[in-house]
C-alpha atoms as a PDB file:
ATOM      1  CA  MET A   1       8.073  17.616  11.786  1.00  0.00           C
ATOM      2  CA  THR A   2       7.116  19.437   9.548  1.00  0.00           C
ATOM      3  CA  ALA A   3       6.419  23.418   9.969  1.00  0.00           C
ATOM      4  CA  GLY A   4       3.800  24.738   7.969  1.00  0.00           C
ATOM      5  CA  ASN A   5       2.964  21.840   4.502  1.00  0.00           C
ATOM      6  CA  THR A   6       7.598  21.767   4.496  1.00  0.00           C
ATOM      7  CA  ILE A   7       7.725  18.053   4.434  1.00  0.00           C
ATOM      8  CA  TYR A   8      11.234  16.977   5.880  1.00  0.00           C
ATOM      9  CA  SER A   9      10.641  13.342   6.074  1.00  0.00           C
ATOM     10  CA  TYR A  10       8.603  10.199   4.128  1.00  0.00           C
ATOM     11  CA  LYS A  11       7.165   9.679   7.784  1.00  0.00           C
ATOM     12  CA  ASP A  12       5.596  12.955   7.558  1.00  0.00           C
ATOM     13  CA  LEU A  13       3.358  12.540   4.782  1.00  0.00           C
ATOM     14  CA  ILE A  14      -0.383  10.932   5.183  1.00  0.00           C
ATOM     15  CA  VAL A  15      -0.272   8.663   2.400  1.00  0.00           C
ATOM     16  CA  TRP A  16       3.323   6.936   4.271  1.00  0.00           C
ATOM     17  CA  GLU A  17       1.382   6.503   7.539  1.00  0.00           C
ATOM     18  CA  LYS A  18      -2.211   4.602   5.662  1.00  0.00           C
ATOM     19  CA  ALA A  19      -0.112   2.845   3.687  1.00  0.00           C
ATOM     20  CA  MET A  20       1.969   1.572   7.008  1.00  0.00           C
ATOM     21  CA  ALA A  21      -1.785   1.138   8.218  1.00  0.00           C
ATOM     22  CA  LEU A  22      -2.616  -1.373   5.229  1.00  0.00           C
ATOM     23  CA  VAL A  23       0.109  -3.278   6.204  1.00  0.00           C
ATOM     24  CA  VAL A  24      -1.107  -3.979   9.706  1.00  0.00           C
ATOM     25  CA  GLU A  25      -4.106  -4.690   8.236  1.00  0.00           C
ATOM     26  CA  ILE A  26      -2.803  -7.232   5.867  1.00  0.00           C
ATOM     27  CA  TYR A  27      -1.355  -8.889   8.403  1.00  0.00           C
ATOM     28  CA  THR A  28      -3.946  -8.903  10.749  1.00  0.00           C
ATOM     29  CA  LEU A  29      -6.235 -10.076   7.789  1.00  0.00           C
ATOM     30  CA  ALA A  30      -3.426 -12.861   6.455  1.00  0.00           C
ATOM     31  CA  ASN A  31      -3.528 -14.817   9.998  1.00  0.00           C
ATOM     32  CA  LYS A  32      -7.408 -15.721   9.144  1.00  0.00           C
ATOM     33  CA  PHE A  33      -6.353 -17.447   5.958  1.00  0.00           C
ATOM     34  CA  PRO A  34      -5.818 -21.130   6.227  1.00  0.00           C
ATOM     35  CA  LYS A  35      -1.779 -22.577   6.846  1.00  0.00           C
ATOM     36  CA  GLU A  36      -1.763 -24.048   3.486  1.00  0.00           C
ATOM     37  CA  GLU A  37      -2.058 -20.016   2.274  1.00  0.00           C
ATOM     38  CA  ILE A  38       1.090 -19.136   4.148  1.00  0.00           C
ATOM     39  CA  TYR A  39       3.675 -20.149   1.198  1.00  0.00           C
ATOM     40  CA  GLY A  40       0.808 -18.555  -1.777  1.00  0.00           C
ATOM     41  CA  LEU A  41      -1.510 -15.903  -1.906  1.00  0.00           C
ATOM     42  CA  THR A  42      -0.935 -14.883   2.439  1.00  0.00           C
ATOM     43  CA  SER A  43       2.941 -14.592   1.743  1.00  0.00           C
ATOM     44  CA  GLN A  44       1.736 -12.417  -1.634  1.00  0.00           C
ATOM     45  CA  MET A  45      -0.731 -10.057  -0.061  1.00  0.00           C
ATOM     46  CA  LYS A  46       1.964  -9.161   2.744  1.00  0.00           C
ATOM     47  CA  ARG A  47       4.906  -8.191   0.468  1.00  0.00           C
ATOM     48  CA  ALA A  48       2.866  -6.227  -2.034  1.00  0.00           C
ATOM     49  CA  ALA A  49       1.554  -4.664   1.314  1.00  0.00           C
ATOM     50  CA  ILE A  50       5.127  -4.235   2.214  1.00  0.00           C
ATOM     51  CA  SER A  51       6.283  -3.120  -1.132  1.00  0.00           C
ATOM     52  CA  ILE A  52       3.983   0.448  -0.863  1.00  0.00           C
ATOM     53  CA  PRO A  53       5.108   2.308   2.188  1.00  0.00           C
ATOM     54  CA  SER A  54       8.852   0.998   1.075  1.00  0.00           C
ATOM     55  CA  ASN A  55       8.574   2.882  -2.390  1.00  0.00           C
ATOM     56  CA  ILE A  56       6.738   5.395  -1.014  1.00  0.00           C
ATOM     57  CA  ALA A  57       9.698   5.989   1.350  1.00  0.00           C
ATOM     58  CA  GLU A  58      12.166   5.254  -1.145  1.00  0.00           C
ATOM     59  CA  GLY A  59      11.040   7.631  -3.807  1.00  0.00           C
ATOM     60  CA  ARG A  60      11.149  10.411  -1.056  1.00  0.00           C
ATOM     61  CA  ARG A  61      14.630  10.169  -0.182  1.00  0.00           C
ATOM     62  CA  ARG A  62      15.511  10.213  -3.811  1.00  0.00           C
ATOM     63  CA  GLY A  63      17.371  13.911  -5.079  1.00  0.00           C
ATOM     64  CA  THR A  64      15.151  13.989  -7.917  1.00  0.00           C
ATOM     65  CA  ARG A  65      12.232  14.246  -9.125  1.00  0.00           C
ATOM     66  CA  LYS A  66      12.175  11.861 -12.136  1.00  0.00           C
ATOM     67  CA  ASP A  67      12.757   9.274  -9.013  1.00  0.00           C
ATOM     68  CA  TYR A  68      10.436  10.518  -6.939  1.00  0.00           C
ATOM     69  CA  HIS A  69       7.879   9.820  -9.794  1.00  0.00           C
ATOM     70  CA  GLN A  70       9.048   6.393 -10.680  1.00  0.00           C
ATOM     71  CA  PHE A  71       8.957   5.050  -6.765  1.00  0.00           C
ATOM     72  CA  PHE A  72       5.284   6.792  -6.009  1.00  0.00           C
ATOM     73  CA  LEU A  73       4.434   5.189  -9.343  1.00  0.00           C
ATOM     74  CA  ILE A  74       5.902   1.411  -8.090  1.00  0.00           C
ATOM     75  CA  ALA A  75       3.641   1.955  -4.797  1.00  0.00           C
ATOM     76  CA  TYR A  76       0.775   2.614  -7.078  1.00  0.00           C
ATOM     77  CA  SER A  77       1.171  -0.557  -9.098  1.00  0.00           C
ATOM     78  CA  SER A  78       1.719  -2.531  -5.401  1.00  0.00           C
ATOM     79  CA  VAL A  79      -1.333  -1.028  -4.478  1.00  0.00           C
ATOM     80  CA  ALA A  80      -3.472  -2.693  -7.876  1.00  0.00           C
ATOM     81  CA  GLU A  81      -1.489  -5.620  -7.158  1.00  0.00           C
ATOM     82  CA  LEU A  82      -2.764  -5.661  -3.041  1.00  0.00           C
ATOM     83  CA  GLU A  83      -6.164  -5.040  -5.126  1.00  0.00           C
ATOM     84  CA  THR A  84      -6.660  -7.551  -6.793  1.00  0.00           C
ATOM     85  CA  GLN A  85      -5.083 -10.177  -4.309  1.00  0.00           C
ATOM     86  CA  ILE A  86      -7.814  -9.230  -2.066  1.00  0.00           C
ATOM     87  CA  GLU A  87     -10.342  -9.886  -4.903  1.00  0.00           C
ATOM     88  CA  ILE A  88      -9.002 -13.529  -5.237  1.00  0.00           C
ATOM     89  CA  ALA A  89      -9.668 -13.875  -1.262  1.00  0.00           C
ATOM     90  CA  LYS A  90     -13.049 -13.129  -1.243  1.00  0.00           C
ATOM     91  CA  ARG A  91     -13.859 -14.688  -4.066  1.00  0.00           C
ATOM     92  CA  LEU A  92     -12.137 -18.527  -2.513  1.00  0.00           C
ATOM     93  CA  PRO A  93     -13.484 -20.250  -0.100  1.00  0.00           C
ATOM     94  CA  PHE A  94     -12.015 -19.227   2.865  1.00  0.00           C
ATOM     95  CA  GLY A  95     -12.092 -15.231   2.086  1.00  0.00           C
ATOM     96  CA  LYS A  96     -16.207 -15.034   1.839  1.00  0.00           C
ATOM     97  CA  ASN A  97     -16.944 -14.867   5.656  1.00  0.00           C
ATOM     98  CA  LEU A  98     -13.997 -11.897   6.116  1.00  0.00           C
ATOM     99  CA  ASP A  99     -14.357  -8.434   6.807  1.00  0.00           C
ATOM    100  CA  TYR A 100     -12.471  -6.656   4.458  1.00  0.00           C
ATOM    101  CA  THR A 101     -14.031  -3.489   5.683  1.00  0.00           C
ATOM    102  CA  LYS A 102     -10.890  -1.230   7.072  1.00  0.00           C
ATOM    103  CA  VAL A 103      -8.810  -2.756   3.965  1.00  0.00           C
ATOM    104  CA  ASP A 104     -10.762  -1.587   0.864  1.00  0.00           C
ATOM    105  CA  GLY A 105     -10.625   1.937   3.148  1.00  0.00           C
ATOM    106  CA  LEU A 106      -7.440   1.699   3.149  1.00  0.00           C
ATOM    107  CA  LEU A 107      -6.591   0.619  -0.140  1.00  0.00           C
ATOM    108  CA  ASN A 108      -9.025   3.560  -1.859  1.00  0.00           C
ATOM    109  CA  GLU A 109      -7.147   6.260   0.452  1.00  0.00           C
ATOM    110  CA  ILE A 110      -3.650   4.941  -0.688  1.00  0.00           C
ATOM    111  CA  MET A 111      -5.091   4.865  -4.396  1.00  0.00           C
ATOM    112  CA  ARG A 112      -6.540   8.504  -4.589  1.00  0.00           C
ATOM    113  CA  ILE A 113      -3.340  10.382  -2.453  1.00  0.00           C
ATOM    114  CA  LEU A 114      -0.591   8.402  -5.175  1.00  0.00           C
ATOM    115  CA  ASN A 115      -2.648   8.705  -8.169  1.00  0.00           C
ATOM    116  CA  LYS A 116      -3.208  12.679  -7.455  1.00  0.00           C
ATOM    117  CA  MET A 117       0.961  12.850  -6.558  1.00  0.00           C
ATOM    118  CA  LEU A 118       1.744  11.458  -9.288  1.00  0.00           C
ATOM    119  CA  SER A 119      -0.186  13.705 -11.208  1.00  0.00           C
ATOM    120  CA  SER A 120       1.154  16.691  -9.324  1.00  0.00           C
ATOM    121  CA  LEU A 121       4.772  15.210  -9.921  1.00  0.00           C
ATOM    122  CA  LYS A 122       4.378  14.614 -13.562  1.00  0.00           C
ATOM    123  CA  ILE A 123       7.795  15.152 -15.455  1.00  0.00           C
END
């Protein structure tokens, strides 16, 4: 819970909420990929998506500003990794006709928020 602008938990962070929504969207999207992709692109995308809220949570739980910054940087890197994997999917025959609107929107929002947070956490 928050009181005013105080953040007590990583669950209070808007970026964590958006990252969790992104995981759900990635799972929904990846389920539309062919079964032969289950150990390829599908698996990679799911891991990268899960890494984002996981690193946000871990960074928030760490005791130092340096650790907080480092884990947010890892989350930001996972967003870039996932963005690249989405671009790959868009270029493959099975991915050309899928709807990426929600995923693209969430990726952009999360990157923007993490970028601002990283700038404010400069050590």
